[in-house]
Amino acid sequence: MIIMFTTIVSPLFADLDILGHINNNVLGSWFELGRNDIFKIFTPDLNANFENWKLIMLKTEYEFLNQMFFGTDVEIRTYVFRIGNKSFTTYHEAWQNNILCAKGKATMVHYDFIKQESMTIPDNIRKELEQHLID
């Protein structure tokens, strides 16, 4: 059974563009909020310093399918899409009013900021990520 992470976002007035839609730049922040539970797999206390934080962003991509508007919460659904030796990719969906409005992926590398090099994802973390792997 795949376990997805869900995060509810209440759009802010500041999230709007000139046409009254949710601005496309906001989606990156919302999908990052959706990754918080995945960040905790690597750094349980979310202590973001060079010694403890072990992830660096490699790539993000978004696809906008439907318009999103102010006044109604947005559900962010997060899964693991792919697990490699040193990196993994998350898959995100943004739903508003039971409509899939946007989807995207983010690839992150398991990284040592002190040594400035990528690292193999440990087996215990890999097993935890596999629980969220989408088919």
N, C-alpha and C. Protein backbone atom coordinates (compact mmCIF):
# COMPACT_ATOMS: atom_id res chain seq x y z
N MET A 1 0.84 -1.20 0.00
CA MET A 1 0.00 0.00 0.00
C MET A 1 0.88 1.25 0.00
N ILE A 2 0.60 2.15 -0.90
CA ILE A 2 1.35 3.40 -1.00
C ILE A 2 0.80 4.40 0.01
N ILE A 3 1.70 5.01 0.75
CA ILE A 3 1.30 6.03 1.71
C ILE A 3 1.69 7.38 1.13
N MET A 4 0.69 8.22 0.82
CA MET A 4 1.00 9.56 0.33
C MET A 4 0.98 10.52 1.51
N PHE A 5 1.70 11.61 1.34
CA PHE A 5 1.66 12.69 2.31
C PHE A 5 0.69 13.73 1.79
N THR A 6 -0.11 14.31 2.67
CA THR A 6 -1.01 15.38 2.27
C THR A 6 -0.75 16.62 3.13
N THR A 7 -0.84 17.76 2.49
CA THR A 7 -0.68 19.05 3.14
C THR A 7 -1.79 19.96 2.62
N ILE A 8 -2.48 20.62 3.52
CA ILE A 8 -3.54 21.55 3.13
C ILE A 8 -2.96 22.97 3.18
N VAL A 9 -3.13 23.69 2.07
CA VAL A 9 -2.65 25.06 1.96
C VAL A 9 -3.85 25.97 1.79
N SER A 10 -3.91 27.03 2.57
CA SER A 10 -4.94 28.05 2.40
C SER A 10 -4.31 29.21 1.65
N PRO A 11 -4.69 29.41 0.39
CA PRO A 11 -4.08 30.47 -0.39
C PRO A 11 -4.22 31.84 0.28
N LEU A 12 -3.17 32.61 0.18
CA LEU A 12 -3.15 33.97 0.68
C LEU A 12 -3.53 34.94 -0.44
N PHE A 13 -4.01 36.10 -0.07
CA PHE A 13 -4.28 37.13 -1.07
C PHE A 13 -3.00 37.44 -1.84
N ALA A 14 -1.86 37.41 -1.16
CA ALA A 14 -0.56 37.69 -1.79
C ALA A 14 -0.17 36.62 -2.81
N ASP A 15 -0.85 35.47 -2.82
CA ASP A 15 -0.55 34.39 -3.77
C ASP A 15 -1.17 34.62 -5.14
N LEU A 16 -1.96 35.70 -5.29
CA LEU A 16 -2.70 35.93 -6.54
C LEU A 16 -1.86 36.70 -7.56
N ASP A 17 -2.17 36.43 -8.83
CA ASP A 17 -1.59 37.24 -9.89
C ASP A 17 -2.60 38.33 -10.28
N ILE A 18 -2.28 39.11 -11.27
CA ILE A 18 -3.12 40.25 -11.66
C ILE A 18 -4.50 39.81 -12.17
N LEU A 19 -4.62 38.54 -12.63
CA LEU A 19 -5.90 38.04 -13.15
C LEU A 19 -6.74 37.35 -12.08
N GLY A 20 -6.23 37.31 -10.84
CA GLY A 20 -6.98 36.68 -9.75
C GLY A 20 -6.75 35.19 -9.59
N HIS A 21 -5.81 34.65 -10.35
CA HIS A 21 -5.45 33.23 -10.22
C HIS A 21 -4.33 33.09 -9.21
N ILE A 22 -4.13 31.88 -8.72
CA ILE A 22 -2.94 31.60 -7.93
C ILE A 22 -1.74 31.76 -8.85
N ASN A 23 -0.78 32.55 -8.43
CA ASN A 23 0.41 32.83 -9.24
C ASN A 23 1.23 31.56 -9.43
N ASN A 24 1.74 31.37 -10.62
CA ASN A 24 2.51 30.16 -10.92
C ASN A 24 3.76 30.03 -10.06
N ASN A 25 4.30 31.11 -9.55
CA ASN A 25 5.50 31.03 -8.72
C ASN A 25 5.24 30.47 -7.32
N VAL A 26 3.99 30.45 -6.92
CA VAL A 26 3.62 29.97 -5.59
C VAL A 26 3.72 28.45 -5.50
N LEU A 27 3.51 27.78 -6.61
CA LEU A 27 3.46 26.32 -6.61
C LEU A 27 4.73 25.68 -6.08
N GLY A 28 5.87 26.24 -6.39
CA GLY A 28 7.14 25.69 -5.88
C GLY A 28 7.18 25.67 -4.37
N SER A 29 6.70 26.72 -3.74
CA SER A 29 6.66 26.78 -2.26
C SER A 29 5.67 25.77 -1.70
N TRP A 30 4.51 25.64 -2.36
CA TRP A 30 3.51 24.70 -1.87
C TRP A 30 4.02 23.27 -1.99
N PHE A 31 4.67 22.94 -3.11
CA PHE A 31 5.21 21.59 -3.26
C PHE A 31 6.35 21.34 -2.28
N GLU A 32 7.11 22.39 -1.96
CA GLU A 32 8.15 22.24 -0.94
C GLU A 32 7.53 21.94 0.42
N LEU A 33 6.43 22.61 0.76
CA LEU A 33 5.71 22.27 2.00
C LEU A 33 5.31 20.80 2.00
N GLY A 34 4.90 20.30 0.86
CA GLY A 34 4.51 18.91 0.73
C GLY A 34 5.67 17.95 0.95
N ARG A 35 6.90 18.43 0.77
CA ARG A 35 8.08 17.58 0.98
C ARG A 35 8.58 17.57 2.42
N ASN A 36 7.98 18.36 3.30
CA ASN A 36 8.47 18.42 4.69
C ASN A 36 8.53 17.05 5.34
N ASP A 37 7.52 16.21 5.13
CA ASP A 37 7.54 14.88 5.74
C ASP A 37 8.66 14.02 5.15
N ILE A 38 8.99 14.23 3.91
CA ILE A 38 10.12 13.51 3.31
C ILE A 38 11.43 14.05 3.87
N PHE A 39 11.53 15.36 4.05
CA PHE A 39 12.72 15.93 4.67
C PHE A 39 12.97 15.31 6.04
N LYS A 40 11.89 15.03 6.78
CA LYS A 40 12.03 14.44 8.12
C LYS A 40 12.59 13.03 8.09
N ILE A 41 12.43 12.34 6.97
CA ILE A 41 13.02 11.00 6.85
C ILE A 41 14.55 11.12 6.90
N PHE A 42 15.09 12.17 6.30
CA PHE A 42 16.53 12.39 6.27
C PHE A 42 17.04 13.14 7.50
N THR A 43 16.26 14.12 7.96
CA THR A 43 16.64 14.96 9.10
C THR A 43 15.41 15.11 10.00
N PRO A 44 15.20 14.16 10.94
CA PRO A 44 13.95 14.13 11.72
C PRO A 44 13.61 15.44 12.44
N ASP A 45 14.63 16.18 12.92
CA ASP A 45 14.33 17.42 13.65
C ASP A 45 14.31 18.64 12.72
N LEU A 46 14.50 18.43 11.42
CA LEU A 46 14.54 19.49 10.42
C LEU A 46 15.58 20.56 10.74
N ASN A 47 16.64 20.17 11.43
CA ASN A 47 17.72 21.09 11.78
C ASN A 47 18.53 21.37 10.51
N ALA A 48 18.29 22.52 9.92
CA ALA A 48 18.91 22.86 8.64
C ALA A 48 20.23 23.59 8.84
N ASN A 49 21.28 22.81 8.99
CA ASN A 49 22.63 23.37 9.01
C ASN A 49 23.54 22.45 8.20
N PHE A 50 24.76 22.87 7.94
CA PHE A 50 25.64 22.10 7.07
C PHE A 50 25.95 20.71 7.59
N GLU A 51 25.94 20.52 8.89
CA GLU A 51 26.25 19.20 9.45
C GLU A 51 25.07 18.24 9.36
N ASN A 52 23.86 18.74 9.49
CA ASN A 52 22.68 17.87 9.61
C ASN A 52 21.88 17.72 8.32
N TRP A 53 21.76 18.78 7.53
CA TRP A 53 20.90 18.73 6.35
C TRP A 53 21.59 17.93 5.25
N LYS A 54 20.87 16.98 4.66
CA LYS A 54 21.49 16.05 3.72
C LYS A 54 20.83 16.03 2.35
N LEU A 55 20.12 17.08 1.97
CA LEU A 55 19.46 17.11 0.67
C LEU A 55 19.75 18.42 -0.05
N ILE A 56 19.95 18.31 -1.36
CA ILE A 56 20.11 19.49 -2.19
C ILE A 56 19.24 19.31 -3.44
N MET A 57 18.60 20.38 -3.86
CA MET A 57 17.69 20.31 -5.01
C MET A 57 18.49 20.24 -6.31
N LEU A 58 18.10 19.34 -7.18
CA LEU A 58 18.71 19.21 -8.49
C LEU A 58 17.82 19.79 -9.59
N LYS A 59 16.51 19.50 -9.51
CA LYS A 59 15.62 19.87 -10.60
C LYS A 59 14.18 19.91 -10.11
N THR A 60 13.41 20.85 -10.63
CA THR A 60 11.96 20.87 -10.40
C THR A 60 11.27 21.12 -11.73
N GLU A 61 10.06 20.60 -11.84
CA GLU A 61 9.23 20.86 -13.01
C GLU A 61 7.77 20.85 -12.59
N TYR A 62 6.96 21.70 -13.24
CA TYR A 62 5.55 21.82 -12.93
C TYR A 62 4.74 21.83 -14.21
N GLU A 63 3.54 21.30 -14.09
CA GLU A 63 2.60 21.35 -15.21
C GLU A 63 1.28 21.86 -14.66
N PHE A 64 0.77 22.92 -15.27
CA PHE A 64 -0.48 23.52 -14.84
C PHE A 64 -1.62 22.96 -15.67
N LEU A 65 -2.61 22.38 -15.01
CA LEU A 65 -3.70 21.70 -15.70
C LEU A 65 -5.01 22.48 -15.63
N ASN A 66 -5.25 23.14 -14.53
CA ASN A 66 -6.47 23.92 -14.31
C ASN A 66 -6.12 25.14 -13.46
N GLN A 67 -6.95 26.16 -13.52
CA GLN A 67 -6.73 27.36 -12.74
C GLN A 67 -7.04 27.12 -11.27
N MET A 68 -6.30 27.81 -10.40
CA MET A 68 -6.57 27.78 -8.96
C MET A 68 -6.87 29.20 -8.52
N PHE A 69 -7.74 29.30 -7.51
CA PHE A 69 -8.22 30.61 -7.09
C PHE A 69 -8.13 30.79 -5.58
N PHE A 70 -8.19 32.03 -5.16
CA PHE A 70 -8.23 32.42 -3.76
C PHE A 70 -9.56 31.99 -3.15
N GLY A 71 -9.58 31.68 -1.85
CA GLY A 71 -10.82 31.43 -1.14
C GLY A 71 -11.14 29.98 -0.88
N THR A 72 -10.41 29.07 -1.49
CA THR A 72 -10.63 27.63 -1.28
C THR A 72 -9.29 26.96 -1.05
N ASP A 73 -9.23 26.12 -0.02
CA ASP A 73 -7.99 25.41 0.29
C ASP A 73 -7.53 24.54 -0.88
N VAL A 74 -6.23 24.29 -0.91
CA VAL A 74 -5.61 23.44 -1.91
C VAL A 74 -4.95 22.28 -1.18
N GLU A 75 -5.21 21.07 -1.65
CA GLU A 75 -4.59 19.88 -1.07
C GLU A 75 -3.37 19.51 -1.91
N ILE A 76 -2.22 19.44 -1.26
CA ILE A 76 -0.99 19.02 -1.91
C ILE A 76 -0.76 17.56 -1.54
N ARG A 77 -0.67 16.71 -2.56
CA ARG A 77 -0.40 15.28 -2.36
C ARG A 77 1.02 15.01 -2.83
N THR A 78 1.77 14.31 -2.00
CA THR A 78 3.18 14.06 -2.28
C THR A 78 3.48 12.58 -2.20
N TYR A 79 4.19 12.10 -3.19
CA TYR A 79 4.63 10.70 -3.28
C TYR A 79 6.11 10.69 -3.63
N VAL A 80 6.72 9.51 -3.54
CA VAL A 80 8.05 9.30 -4.09
C VAL A 80 7.85 8.68 -5.47
N PHE A 81 8.48 9.23 -6.47
CA PHE A 81 8.32 8.78 -7.86
C PHE A 81 9.43 7.81 -8.29
N ARG A 82 10.65 8.10 -7.84
CA ARG A 82 11.80 7.28 -8.24
C ARG A 82 12.86 7.36 -7.14
N ILE A 83 13.56 6.24 -6.93
CA ILE A 83 14.67 6.22 -5.98
C ILE A 83 15.89 5.68 -6.71
N GLY A 84 16.95 6.48 -6.75
CA GLY A 84 18.21 6.07 -7.35
C GLY A 84 19.22 5.75 -6.27
N ASN A 85 20.49 5.67 -6.63
CA ASN A 85 21.54 5.39 -5.65
C ASN A 85 21.82 6.58 -4.75
N LYS A 86 21.87 7.78 -5.36
CA LYS A 86 22.22 8.98 -4.61
C LYS A 86 21.15 10.07 -4.69
N SER A 87 20.11 9.82 -5.45
CA SER A 87 19.06 10.83 -5.60
C SER A 87 17.69 10.15 -5.63
N PHE A 88 16.67 10.96 -5.50
CA PHE A 88 15.29 10.47 -5.61
C PHE A 88 14.43 11.60 -6.14
N THR A 89 13.29 11.23 -6.69
CA THR A 89 12.37 12.20 -7.26
C THR A 89 11.02 12.09 -6.57
N THR A 90 10.46 13.22 -6.20
CA THR A 90 9.12 13.26 -5.63
C THR A 90 8.14 13.66 -6.71
N TYR A 91 6.89 13.26 -6.53
CA TYR A 91 5.80 13.62 -7.43
C TYR A 91 4.75 14.32 -6.59
N HIS A 92 4.25 15.45 -7.09
CA HIS A 92 3.28 16.26 -6.35
C HIS A 92 2.05 16.54 -7.20
N GLU A 93 0.94 16.67 -6.51
CA GLU A 93 -0.30 17.10 -7.15
C GLU A 93 -0.93 18.19 -6.28
N ALA A 94 -1.53 19.18 -6.94
CA ALA A 94 -2.29 20.23 -6.24
C ALA A 94 -3.75 20.09 -6.65
N TRP A 95 -4.62 19.85 -5.67
CA TRP A 95 -6.05 19.65 -5.91
C TRP A 95 -6.83 20.78 -5.25
N GLN A 96 -7.77 21.35 -6.00
CA GLN A 96 -8.69 22.34 -5.44
C GLN A 96 -10.09 22.00 -5.91
N ASN A 97 -11.02 21.93 -4.99
CA ASN A 97 -12.41 21.57 -5.29
C ASN A 97 -12.50 20.22 -6.02
N ASN A 98 -11.70 19.27 -5.57
CA ASN A 98 -11.66 17.91 -6.15
C ASN A 98 -11.24 17.90 -7.62
N ILE A 99 -10.50 18.90 -8.04
CA ILE A 99 -9.99 18.99 -9.41
C ILE A 99 -8.46 19.02 -9.34
N LEU A 100 -7.81 18.17 -10.13
CA LEU A 100 -6.37 18.20 -10.22
C LEU A 100 -5.97 19.45 -11.01
N CYS A 101 -5.30 20.38 -10.35
CA CYS A 101 -4.98 21.67 -10.97
C CYS A 101 -3.53 21.78 -11.43
N ALA A 102 -2.63 21.06 -10.77
CA ALA A 102 -1.23 21.13 -11.15
C ALA A 102 -0.53 19.87 -10.66
N LYS A 103 0.54 19.52 -11.34
CA LYS A 103 1.35 18.39 -10.91
C LYS A 103 2.81 18.73 -11.20
N GLY A 104 3.70 18.04 -10.52
CA GLY A 104 5.10 18.33 -10.74
C GLY A 104 6.00 17.31 -10.09
N LYS A 105 7.27 17.45 -10.38
CA LYS A 105 8.29 16.56 -9.82
C LYS A 105 9.45 17.40 -9.31
N ALA A 106 10.14 16.85 -8.34
CA ALA A 106 11.36 17.47 -7.83
C ALA A 106 12.38 16.37 -7.59
N THR A 107 13.58 16.57 -8.09
CA THR A 107 14.66 15.60 -7.88
C THR A 107 15.64 16.20 -6.88
N MET A 108 15.92 15.43 -5.84
CA MET A 108 16.84 15.84 -4.80
C MET A 108 17.97 14.83 -4.68
N VAL A 109 19.12 15.33 -4.30
CA VAL A 109 20.32 14.51 -4.15
C VAL A 109 20.66 14.42 -2.66
N HIS A 110 21.00 13.20 -2.23
CA HIS A 110 21.52 13.00 -0.87
C HIS A 110 22.92 13.58 -0.87
N TYR A 111 23.16 14.59 -0.05
CA TYR A 111 24.34 15.44 -0.22
C TYR A 111 25.02 15.75 1.10
N ASP A 112 26.35 15.75 1.09
CA ASP A 112 27.17 16.15 2.24
C ASP A 112 27.68 17.56 1.97
N PHE A 113 27.14 18.53 2.71
CA PHE A 113 27.51 19.92 2.48
C PHE A 113 28.92 20.23 2.97
N ILE A 114 29.43 19.48 3.94
CA ILE A 114 30.80 19.70 4.41
C ILE A 114 31.79 19.25 3.35
N LYS A 115 31.60 18.05 2.81
CA LYS A 115 32.51 17.51 1.79
C LYS A 115 32.17 18.01 0.39
N GLN A 116 30.98 18.60 0.24
CA GLN A 116 30.52 19.10 -1.06
C GLN A 116 30.47 17.98 -2.10
N GLU A 117 29.82 16.85 -1.69
CA GLU A 117 29.69 15.73 -2.61
C GLU A 117 28.42 14.94 -2.31
N SER A 118 27.93 14.27 -3.35
CA SER A 118 26.74 13.44 -3.18
C SER A 118 27.11 12.17 -2.42
N MET A 119 26.08 11.57 -1.80
CA MET A 119 26.28 10.36 -1.00
C MET A 119 25.23 9.33 -1.39
N THR A 120 25.54 8.07 -1.19
CA THR A 120 24.58 6.99 -1.40
C THR A 120 23.47 7.11 -0.36
N ILE A 121 22.23 6.87 -0.78
CA ILE A 121 21.11 6.88 0.16
C ILE A 121 21.20 5.61 1.00
N PRO A 122 21.27 5.73 2.34
CA PRO A 122 21.37 4.55 3.20
C PRO A 122 20.15 3.63 3.07
N ASP A 123 20.36 2.35 3.31
CA ASP A 123 19.30 1.35 3.16
C ASP A 123 18.08 1.65 4.03
N ASN A 124 18.29 2.10 5.28
CA ASN A 124 17.14 2.37 6.16
C ASN A 124 16.29 3.52 5.63
N ILE A 125 16.91 4.54 5.04
CA ILE A 125 16.16 5.65 4.46
C ILE A 125 15.49 5.19 3.17
N ARG A 126 16.19 4.40 2.38
CA ARG A 126 15.62 3.87 1.14
C ARG A 126 14.34 3.08 1.43
N LYS A 127 14.36 2.26 2.47
CA LYS A 127 13.17 1.46 2.82
C LYS A 127 12.01 2.36 3.23
N GLU A 128 12.32 3.42 3.93
CA GLU A 128 11.25 4.34 4.33
C GLU A 128 10.68 5.09 3.12
N LEU A 129 11.56 5.48 2.20
CA LEU A 129 11.10 6.15 0.97
C LEU A 129 10.23 5.21 0.13
N GLU A 130 10.58 3.94 0.10
CA GLU A 130 9.84 2.94 -0.70
C GLU A 130 8.38 2.83 -0.27
N GLN A 131 8.07 3.14 0.98
CA GLN A 131 6.68 3.08 1.46
C GLN A 131 5.80 4.13 0.75
N HIS A 132 6.44 5.12 0.17
CA HIS A 132 5.72 6.23 -0.46
C HIS A 132 5.90 6.22 -1.98
N LEU A 133 6.44 5.14 -2.52
CA LEU A 133 6.73 5.02 -3.95
C LEU A 133 5.45 4.78 -4.73
N ILE A 134 5.16 5.68 -5.67
CA ILE A 134 3.96 5.59 -6.49
C ILE A 134 4.23 4.62 -7.65
N ASP A 135 3.20 3.91 -8.05
CA ASP A 135 3.33 2.97 -9.18
C ASP A 135 3.43 3.68 -10.49
